[in-house]
Amino acid sequence: MTTSPTRQPDTAAAGHPARRRPGPVEPRCSSARAAAARLVFRHAVKSLPVRVALPGGERLGAGGPDSPVMRIVRPGAFHRRLGADAKIGFGEAYMAGDWTSNDPAALLTPFAARMADLVPRPLQVFRRWVDARHPAHERNTVEGSRANVHRHYDLSNDLFAAFLDESMTYSSAWFSPGDDDLHAAQLRKVDGVLDLADVRAGTRLLEIGTGWGALAIRAAERGARVTTLTLSAEQKHLAEQRIARAGVADRVQVLLRDYREAHGSYDAVVSVEMVEAVGADYWPAYFRTLDRVLEPGGRVGLQAITMPHDRLLATRHSHTWIHKYVFPGGQLLSVPAIQDAVRRHTALGVVRSRSLGPDYARTLRHWRTRFLDNWPQVAATGFDDTFRRMWEFYLAYCEAGFRSGYLDVVQLGLTKPRH
């Protein structure tokens, strides 16, 4: 098991409300909606390269002998969950054991590739009436953001240590050709972001989103003076320990502070996969913050997960399984959305970009393998089988998105004019 080098296992694990949870309650759903969901699902899988096995021997899908298999264990419950809310019910059905797969990431990849037309277009006009909307309490106000971050990042440092590499980096790695070493790829990614921001000895650097301190340590080792912001008390605690062990505590300050509360002036700003937690209503505030704290002539290194712009427009108000169970308040951007926010709300300009989508698929494969391999140790800290299925689905679901090309992750270099 990969363990945190600076933190003892949590002793209060079993008491954490997010660790022991009952299976998702089967929602109320009319027989008509369940029947409609059954027809839509059958239509969706009819041409997909998958095999769907139902009790009694019926088989669906266009997959061959080597295609991934989905085994529907309880068809009635599965269709009722889809009928109540397909965007949430599909994942809940996996959590509840209504369906299973020996390789959920491979199974979900064809679904992700056809995301835009899984539901027949004539039925898509009903989206506004059947899609759940984001709960008001998950809005990313300053207080709302703290609550949303707590629900994910304060689960347990030991949980994250069980599947991340030794740098404790929770974002896409950047693999070099022919090398599948996750730790080396994470450091390469960090260096790539720091290079985009031109971080060097003497740089005054602001990091928005500390994680567990890997980037701050790497920047300080270059000779930069780093101020890094997080909303997670658990992350702050471990990051400060890791920073001290790395011998750079004199050059790094970790603050429990929202990005909107940032002050001071910096030569460079970096932010790695934090903007996804900002929310569309607050994108202007986020990008204005980058502009406000950056000195003229300064640079920004930004890493962001993106989705196709048309899908962003179609789904931006939808409340999904990921929102309900993993990232409350989250909202992916598109490259055009980033460009528009930068153009409308800042003096910054995008000067460099690179795409790492396939690298994220590989990263997630590593994480899922490590999580499952280390599950006995994770379970010993208080997490139950429902959580295991939830986390496995989360990692597989995301891997499928990147494997299919539906999702991407980009590194962007931005500059601020000197005058």
Protein backbone atom coordinates (compact mmCIF):
# COMPACT_ATOMS: atom_id res chain seq x y z
CA MET A 1 0.00 0.00 0.00
CA THR A 2 1.15 3.54 -0.74
CA THR A 3 1.01 5.39 2.57
CA SER A 4 1.41 9.00 3.53
CA PRO A 5 4.98 9.52 4.72
CA THR A 6 3.98 12.25 7.14
CA ARG A 7 0.60 11.28 8.58
CA GLN A 8 -0.59 8.50 10.85
CA PRO A 9 -3.74 6.64 9.77
CA ASP A 10 -6.99 8.31 10.83
CA THR A 11 -8.30 6.85 14.07
CA ALA A 12 -11.76 8.42 13.74
CA ALA A 13 -12.33 6.96 10.30
CA ALA A 14 -15.42 4.93 11.07
CA GLY A 15 -17.16 7.98 12.47
CA HIS A 16 -16.86 10.07 9.30
CA PRO A 17 -20.36 10.46 7.77
CA ALA A 18 -19.09 10.07 4.21
CA ARG A 19 -17.35 6.75 4.91
CA ARG A 20 -20.21 4.53 5.97
CA ARG A 21 -23.25 5.14 3.83
CA PRO A 22 -26.28 3.04 2.98
CA GLY A 23 -26.79 2.12 -0.66
CA PRO A 24 -28.63 4.76 -2.68
CA VAL A 25 -32.34 4.71 -1.94
CA GLU A 26 -34.30 3.57 -4.97
CA PRO A 27 -36.17 6.68 -6.17
CA ARG A 28 -39.85 6.90 -6.84
CA CYS A 29 -40.52 6.39 -10.51
CA SER A 30 -43.74 5.74 -12.37
CA SER A 31 -44.04 2.54 -14.34
CA ALA A 32 -44.41 4.63 -17.50
CA ARG A 33 -41.11 6.44 -16.96
CA ALA A 34 -39.35 3.18 -16.09
CA ALA A 35 -40.71 1.60 -19.27
CA ALA A 36 -39.59 4.61 -21.31
CA ALA A 37 -36.12 4.39 -19.74
CA ARG A 38 -35.96 0.70 -20.66
CA LEU A 39 -36.72 1.50 -24.30
CA VAL A 40 -34.21 4.37 -24.44
CA PHE A 41 -31.49 2.23 -22.87
CA ARG A 42 -32.11 -0.61 -25.33
CA HIS A 43 -32.00 1.85 -28.21
CA ALA A 44 -28.74 3.36 -26.90
CA VAL A 45 -26.86 0.07 -26.54
CA LYS A 46 -28.19 -1.48 -29.74
CA SER A 47 -25.33 -0.14 -31.84
CA LEU A 48 -22.64 0.21 -29.16
CA PRO A 49 -19.62 -2.16 -29.18
CA VAL A 50 -20.57 -3.61 -25.79
CA ARG A 51 -22.34 -6.71 -24.54
CA VAL A 52 -25.20 -6.32 -22.07
CA ALA A 53 -26.21 -9.50 -20.24
CA LEU A 54 -29.61 -9.70 -18.55
CA PRO A 55 -30.94 -12.36 -16.16
CA GLY A 56 -32.49 -15.20 -18.10
CA GLY A 57 -29.93 -15.15 -20.88
CA GLU A 58 -31.04 -12.17 -23.04
CA ARG A 59 -28.15 -10.28 -24.65
CA LEU A 60 -28.06 -6.70 -25.97
CA GLY A 61 -25.46 -4.58 -27.75
CA ALA A 62 -23.36 -4.88 -30.89
CA GLY A 63 -20.17 -6.06 -29.20
CA GLY A 64 -18.23 -9.18 -30.06
CA PRO A 65 -16.62 -11.80 -27.82
CA ASP A 66 -13.82 -9.44 -26.74
CA SER A 67 -16.07 -6.46 -26.01
CA PRO A 68 -16.64 -5.22 -22.46
CA VAL A 69 -19.58 -6.77 -20.64
CA MET A 70 -22.27 -5.09 -18.57
CA ARG A 71 -24.24 -7.49 -16.38
CA ILE A 72 -27.60 -6.17 -15.27
CA VAL A 73 -28.39 -7.92 -12.00
CA ARG A 74 -31.70 -6.24 -11.12
CA PRO A 75 -33.35 -4.92 -14.32
CA GLY A 76 -36.42 -3.49 -12.58
CA ALA A 77 -34.43 -1.39 -10.13
CA PHE A 78 -31.98 -0.39 -12.88
CA HIS A 79 -34.73 0.92 -15.17
CA ARG A 80 -36.51 2.72 -12.33
CA ARG A 81 -33.31 4.56 -11.46
CA LEU A 82 -32.82 5.55 -15.10
CA GLY A 83 -36.44 6.62 -15.36
CA ALA A 84 -36.19 8.83 -12.28
CA ASP A 85 -33.01 10.59 -13.49
CA ALA A 86 -30.64 8.89 -15.91
CA LYS A 87 -27.73 11.26 -15.19
CA ILE A 88 -27.76 10.22 -11.55
CA GLY A 89 -29.43 6.82 -11.70
CA PHE A 90 -26.87 5.07 -13.89
CA GLY A 91 -24.10 5.63 -11.35
CA GLU A 92 -26.38 4.96 -8.38
CA ALA A 93 -27.32 1.63 -9.94
CA TYR A 94 -23.64 0.67 -9.97
CA MET A 95 -23.26 1.75 -6.34
CA ALA A 96 -26.30 -0.35 -5.39
CA GLY A 97 -25.12 -3.41 -7.35
CA ASP A 98 -27.99 -3.26 -9.87
CA TRP A 99 -25.37 -3.71 -12.58
CA THR A 100 -21.70 -4.61 -12.65
CA SER A 101 -18.81 -5.04 -15.08
CA ASN A 102 -15.39 -6.66 -15.01
CA ASP A 103 -13.96 -3.52 -16.68
CA PRO A 104 -16.24 -0.52 -16.10
CA ALA A 105 -13.86 1.98 -17.75
CA ALA A 106 -13.77 -0.01 -21.00
CA LEU A 107 -17.53 -0.47 -20.83
CA LEU A 108 -18.24 3.22 -20.25
CA THR A 109 -15.89 4.44 -23.00
CA PRO A 110 -18.32 3.73 -25.91
CA PHE A 111 -21.10 5.40 -23.91
CA ALA A 112 -18.92 8.50 -23.45
CA ALA A 113 -17.99 8.58 -27.13
CA ARG A 114 -21.69 8.71 -28.04
CA MET A 115 -22.76 11.02 -25.21
CA ALA A 116 -24.40 13.58 -27.46
CA ASP A 117 -26.79 11.11 -29.12
CA LEU A 118 -27.40 8.31 -26.63
CA VAL A 119 -30.87 9.78 -26.16
CA PRO A 120 -32.72 10.09 -29.50
CA ARG A 121 -32.76 13.72 -30.62
CA PRO A 122 -36.57 14.03 -30.66
CA LEU A 123 -36.56 13.20 -26.94
CA GLN A 124 -33.77 15.65 -26.08
CA VAL A 125 -36.24 18.55 -26.18
CA PHE A 126 -37.66 17.24 -22.90
CA ARG A 127 -34.32 17.79 -21.10
CA ARG A 128 -35.51 20.97 -19.39
CA TRP A 129 -38.38 19.10 -17.73
CA VAL A 130 -36.56 15.94 -16.65
CA ASP A 131 -33.04 17.14 -15.77
CA ALA A 132 -32.45 17.93 -12.11
CA ARG A 133 -30.96 21.38 -11.50
CA HIS A 134 -28.04 22.25 -9.25
CA PRO A 135 -29.13 22.62 -5.61
CA ALA A 136 -29.01 26.20 -4.37
CA HIS A 137 -26.89 25.24 -1.34
CA GLU A 138 -24.09 24.02 -3.63
CA ARG A 139 -23.54 27.44 -5.23
CA ASN A 140 -19.90 28.43 -5.03
CA THR A 141 -20.20 31.43 -2.80
CA VAL A 142 -17.26 31.81 -0.42
CA GLU A 143 -19.06 29.76 2.24
CA GLY A 144 -20.58 27.37 -0.30
CA SER A 145 -17.15 26.64 -1.77
CA ARG A 146 -15.77 25.77 1.66
CA ALA A 147 -18.62 23.31 2.23
CA ASN A 148 -18.22 21.76 -1.25
CA VAL A 149 -14.47 21.33 -0.83
CA HIS A 150 -14.91 19.78 2.61
CA ARG A 151 -17.21 17.08 1.21
CA HIS A 152 -14.50 15.81 -1.14
CA TYR A 153 -11.00 16.80 -0.07
CA ASP A 154 -11.51 16.34 3.66
CA LEU A 155 -12.64 12.72 3.33
CA SER A 156 -9.26 11.41 4.49
CA ASN A 157 -5.66 12.05 3.55
CA ASP A 158 -5.09 8.32 3.95
CA LEU A 159 -7.73 7.56 1.31
CA PHE A 160 -5.96 9.74 -1.25
CA ALA A 161 -2.54 8.39 -0.27
CA ALA A 162 -3.82 4.90 -1.10
CA PHE A 163 -4.11 5.62 -4.82
CA LEU A 164 -2.02 8.71 -5.62
CA ASP A 165 1.71 8.58 -6.30
CA GLU A 166 4.22 9.57 -3.62
CA SER A 167 4.00 13.25 -4.61
CA MET A 168 0.29 13.18 -3.62
CA THR A 169 -0.64 14.89 -6.89
CA TYR A 170 -4.38 14.72 -7.69
CA SER A 171 -4.50 15.90 -11.31
CA SER A 172 -3.50 14.65 -14.72
CA ALA A 173 0.07 13.50 -15.13
CA TRP A 174 2.12 14.11 -18.30
CA PHE A 175 3.81 10.93 -19.46
CA SER A 176 6.94 10.93 -21.57
CA PRO A 177 6.92 8.58 -24.59
CA GLY A 178 7.51 4.96 -23.60
CA ASP A 179 7.47 5.66 -19.85
CA ASP A 180 4.53 4.58 -17.66
CA ASP A 181 6.03 5.80 -14.36
CA LEU A 182 3.22 7.76 -12.67
CA HIS A 183 5.45 9.64 -10.24
CA ALA A 184 7.84 10.80 -12.97
CA ALA A 185 4.86 11.83 -15.09
CA GLN A 186 3.38 13.88 -12.25
CA LEU A 187 6.62 15.77 -11.72
CA ARG A 188 6.84 16.37 -15.48
CA LYS A 189 3.32 17.85 -15.39
CA VAL A 190 4.20 20.11 -12.46
CA ASP A 191 7.34 21.30 -14.21
CA GLY A 192 5.31 21.98 -17.34
CA VAL A 193 2.94 24.28 -15.48
CA LEU A 194 5.79 26.06 -13.69
CA ASP A 195 7.58 26.56 -17.02
CA LEU A 196 4.45 28.10 -18.54
CA ALA A 197 4.45 30.61 -15.67
CA ASP A 198 8.22 31.14 -16.00
CA VAL A 199 8.80 30.26 -12.35
CA ARG A 200 12.46 30.55 -11.35
CA ALA A 201 14.67 31.70 -8.49
CA GLY A 202 13.24 34.85 -6.91
CA THR A 203 9.76 34.51 -8.47
CA ARG A 204 6.91 35.61 -6.21
CA LEU A 205 4.37 32.88 -6.94
CA LEU A 206 0.71 32.52 -6.00
CA GLU A 207 -0.79 29.04 -6.27
CA ILE A 208 -4.59 28.76 -6.26
CA GLY A 209 -5.39 25.25 -5.05
CA THR A 210 -2.64 23.73 -2.86
CA GLY A 211 -3.49 20.07 -3.11
CA TRP A 212 -1.00 18.33 -0.83
CA GLY A 213 1.84 20.68 -1.63
CA ALA A 214 3.65 19.00 -4.53
CA LEU A 215 3.71 22.03 -6.83
CA ALA A 216 4.59 24.44 -4.03
CA ILE A 217 7.53 22.24 -3.05
CA ARG A 218 8.74 21.96 -6.63
CA ALA A 219 8.49 25.74 -7.12
CA ALA A 220 10.32 26.46 -3.87
CA GLU A 221 13.08 24.07 -4.94
CA ARG A 222 13.52 26.32 -7.97
CA GLY A 223 14.06 29.23 -5.57
CA ALA A 224 10.59 30.80 -5.80
CA ARG A 225 8.75 32.28 -2.82
CA VAL A 226 5.32 30.66 -2.78
CA THR A 227 1.97 31.63 -1.32
CA THR A 228 -0.53 28.81 -1.82
CA LEU A 229 -4.27 28.84 -1.09
CA THR A 230 -6.56 25.98 -0.11
CA LEU A 231 -10.01 25.58 1.45
CA SER A 232 -9.28 22.11 2.82
CA ALA A 233 -8.08 21.89 6.42
CA GLU A 234 -6.98 18.28 5.84
CA GLN A 235 -4.90 19.27 2.82
CA LYS A 236 -3.35 22.25 4.61
CA HIS A 237 -2.29 20.08 7.53
CA LEU A 238 -0.54 17.47 5.41
CA ALA A 239 0.84 19.96 2.88
CA GLU A 240 2.60 21.89 5.64
CA GLN A 241 4.12 18.67 6.97
CA ARG A 242 5.33 17.68 3.51
CA ILE A 243 6.72 21.16 2.84
CA ALA A 244 8.65 21.08 6.12
CA ARG A 245 10.04 17.61 5.36
CA ALA A 246 11.20 18.88 1.96
CA GLY A 247 13.17 21.63 3.71
CA VAL A 248 11.40 24.55 2.00
CA ALA A 249 9.09 25.78 4.78
CA ASP A 250 10.92 29.11 4.82
CA ARG A 251 9.85 29.74 1.21
CA VAL A 252 6.24 28.49 1.26
CA GLN A 253 3.18 29.89 3.05
CA VAL A 254 0.00 27.78 3.04
CA LEU A 255 -3.17 29.79 3.66
CA LEU A 256 -6.69 28.53 4.35
CA ARG A 257 -8.24 31.12 2.04
CA ASP A 258 -10.62 31.43 -0.91
CA TYR A 259 -9.19 32.63 -4.21
CA ARG A 260 -11.45 35.70 -4.00
CA GLU A 261 -9.70 36.66 -0.79
CA ALA A 262 -6.23 36.65 -2.37
CA HIS A 263 -4.27 39.85 -2.01
CA GLY A 264 -0.80 41.11 -2.84
CA SER A 265 1.13 41.22 -6.10
CA TYR A 266 2.88 38.30 -7.76
CA ASP A 267 5.20 37.68 -10.68
CA ALA A 268 3.39 34.44 -11.51
CA VAL A 269 0.17 32.60 -10.73
CA VAL A 270 -0.44 28.87 -11.16
CA SER A 271 -3.63 26.89 -10.75
CA VAL A 272 -3.93 23.18 -11.54
CA GLU A 273 -7.43 21.72 -11.98
CA MET A 274 -8.98 24.07 -9.46
CA VAL A 275 -11.06 26.14 -11.89
CA GLU A 276 -13.46 23.18 -12.30
CA ALA A 277 -14.64 23.89 -8.73
CA VAL A 278 -15.40 27.55 -9.40
CA GLY A 279 -18.79 27.28 -11.13
CA ALA A 280 -19.96 29.19 -14.20
CA ASP A 281 -21.46 32.05 -12.18
CA TYR A 282 -18.04 32.76 -10.71
CA TRP A 283 -15.76 32.30 -13.71
CA PRO A 284 -15.52 36.09 -14.17
CA ALA A 285 -14.43 36.51 -10.53
CA TYR A 286 -11.83 33.75 -10.85
CA PHE A 287 -10.20 35.15 -13.96
CA ARG A 288 -10.39 38.71 -12.65
CA THR A 289 -8.52 37.50 -9.57
CA LEU A 290 -5.71 36.14 -11.75
CA ASP A 291 -5.48 39.50 -13.48
CA ARG A 292 -5.75 41.54 -10.27
CA VAL A 293 -2.91 39.88 -8.37
CA LEU A 294 -0.56 39.48 -11.34
CA GLU A 295 2.10 42.12 -11.93
CA PRO A 296 2.34 43.63 -15.43
CA GLY A 297 4.53 41.35 -17.49
CA GLY A 298 3.65 38.41 -15.25
CA ARG A 299 2.60 34.94 -16.36
CA VAL A 300 -0.04 32.37 -15.49
CA GLY A 301 0.21 28.58 -15.74
CA LEU A 302 -3.28 27.07 -15.81
CA GLN A 303 -4.37 23.43 -16.08
CA ALA A 304 -8.06 22.78 -16.68
CA ILE A 305 -10.31 19.86 -17.59
CA THR A 306 -12.46 20.71 -20.59
CA MET A 307 -15.44 19.37 -22.51
CA PRO A 308 -16.85 20.18 -25.96
CA HIS A 309 -18.43 23.62 -26.01
CA ASP A 310 -21.75 22.41 -27.41
CA ARG A 311 -22.02 19.87 -24.59
CA LEU A 312 -21.19 22.56 -22.05
CA LEU A 313 -24.09 24.64 -23.35
CA ALA A 314 -26.44 21.64 -23.38
CA THR A 315 -25.62 20.39 -19.88
CA ARG A 316 -24.49 23.43 -17.89
CA HIS A 317 -27.60 23.45 -15.68
CA SER A 318 -27.80 19.68 -15.15
CA HIS A 319 -27.18 18.10 -11.75
CA THR A 320 -25.35 14.82 -12.35
CA TRP A 321 -24.07 11.82 -10.41
CA ILE A 322 -20.63 13.43 -10.19
CA HIS A 323 -22.16 16.53 -8.56
CA LYS A 324 -24.23 14.52 -6.11
CA TYR A 325 -21.55 12.10 -4.96
CA VAL A 326 -18.09 13.45 -5.81
CA PHE A 327 -17.74 17.12 -6.74
CA PRO A 328 -20.66 19.23 -5.48
CA GLY A 329 -20.75 22.58 -7.24
CA GLY A 330 -18.33 21.46 -9.95
CA GLN A 331 -18.55 22.66 -13.55
CA LEU A 332 -16.17 21.79 -16.37
CA LEU A 333 -15.24 24.49 -18.85
CA SER A 334 -14.61 24.38 -22.57
CA VAL A 335 -11.66 26.01 -24.30
CA PRO A 336 -13.97 28.63 -25.88
CA ALA A 337 -15.45 29.36 -22.44
CA ILE A 338 -11.96 29.95 -21.02
CA GLN A 339 -10.98 32.14 -23.96
CA ASP A 340 -14.19 34.15 -23.63
CA ALA A 341 -13.76 34.68 -19.87
CA VAL A 342 -10.14 35.75 -20.32
CA ARG A 343 -11.03 38.15 -23.14
CA ARG A 344 -14.04 39.71 -21.41
CA HIS A 345 -12.75 40.01 -17.86
CA THR A 346 -8.97 40.38 -17.98
CA ALA A 347 -6.07 41.99 -19.78
CA LEU A 348 -4.46 38.56 -20.08
CA GLY A 349 -3.76 36.73 -23.30
CA VAL A 350 -3.32 33.01 -23.99
CA VAL A 351 0.09 32.45 -25.57
CA ARG A 352 0.76 28.71 -25.07
CA SER A 353 -1.37 25.58 -24.87
CA ARG A 354 -0.99 21.82 -24.80
CA SER A 355 -3.49 18.98 -24.54
CA LEU A 356 -3.00 16.04 -22.17
CA GLY A 357 -6.28 14.15 -22.56
CA PRO A 358 -4.80 10.68 -23.26
CA ASP A 359 -2.39 11.23 -20.35
CA TYR A 360 -5.34 11.74 -18.02
CA ALA A 361 -6.85 8.42 -19.12
CA ARG A 362 -3.56 6.73 -18.21
CA THR A 363 -3.41 8.60 -14.90
CA LEU A 364 -6.90 7.46 -13.96
CA ARG A 365 -6.11 3.87 -14.91
CA HIS A 366 -3.17 3.99 -12.48
CA TRP A 367 -5.36 5.49 -9.74
CA ARG A 368 -8.16 2.94 -10.16
CA THR A 369 -5.73 0.02 -10.14
CA ARG A 370 -3.99 1.31 -7.02
CA PHE A 371 -7.30 2.05 -5.29
CA LEU A 372 -8.62 -1.48 -5.87
CA ASP A 373 -5.29 -3.12 -5.01
CA ASN A 374 -5.18 -1.20 -1.73
CA TRP A 375 -8.87 -1.52 -0.89
CA PRO A 376 -8.36 -3.78 2.17
CA GLN A 377 -6.23 -1.08 3.81
CA VAL A 378 -8.71 1.65 2.81
CA ALA A 379 -11.59 -0.39 4.24
CA ALA A 380 -9.69 -0.79 7.48
CA THR A 381 -9.89 2.99 7.99
CA GLY A 382 -13.70 2.87 7.92
CA PHE A 383 -14.83 3.09 4.29
CA ASP A 384 -17.51 0.58 3.30
CA ASP A 385 -18.37 -1.38 0.14
CA THR A 386 -20.86 1.22 -1.06
CA PHE A 387 -18.07 3.79 -0.97
CA ARG A 388 -15.78 1.37 -2.82
CA ARG A 389 -18.29 0.97 -5.66
CA MET A 390 -18.88 4.73 -5.70
CA TRP A 391 -15.16 5.53 -5.95
CA GLU A 392 -14.50 2.81 -8.51
CA PHE A 393 -17.33 4.13 -10.69
CA TYR A 394 -16.03 7.70 -10.32
CA LEU A 395 -12.53 6.78 -11.48
CA ALA A 396 -13.80 4.53 -14.30
CA TYR A 397 -16.36 7.13 -15.43
CA CYS A 398 -13.68 9.81 -15.68
CA GLU A 399 -11.22 7.48 -17.41
CA ALA A 400 -13.87 6.67 -20.01
CA GLY A 401 -14.42 10.35 -20.68
CA PHE A 402 -10.76 10.90 -21.50
CA ARG A 403 -10.32 7.60 -23.36
CA SER A 404 -13.20 8.50 -25.67
CA GLY A 405 -12.03 12.07 -26.27
CA TYR A 406 -15.23 13.48 -24.80
CA LEU A 407 -13.09 15.11 -22.10
CA ASP A 408 -9.71 16.77 -22.44
CA VAL A 409 -7.29 18.51 -20.11
CA VAL A 410 -5.28 21.50 -21.26
CA GLN A 411 -2.32 23.42 -19.94
CA LEU A 412 -2.46 27.10 -20.85
CA GLY A 413 0.16 29.80 -20.56
CA LEU A 414 -1.19 33.32 -20.18
CA THR A 415 0.64 36.65 -20.00
CA LYS A 416 -0.22 40.13 -18.79
CA PRO A 417 0.99 43.09 -20.85
CA ARG A 418 3.68 45.26 -19.28
CA HIS A 419 1.75 48.43 -20.04
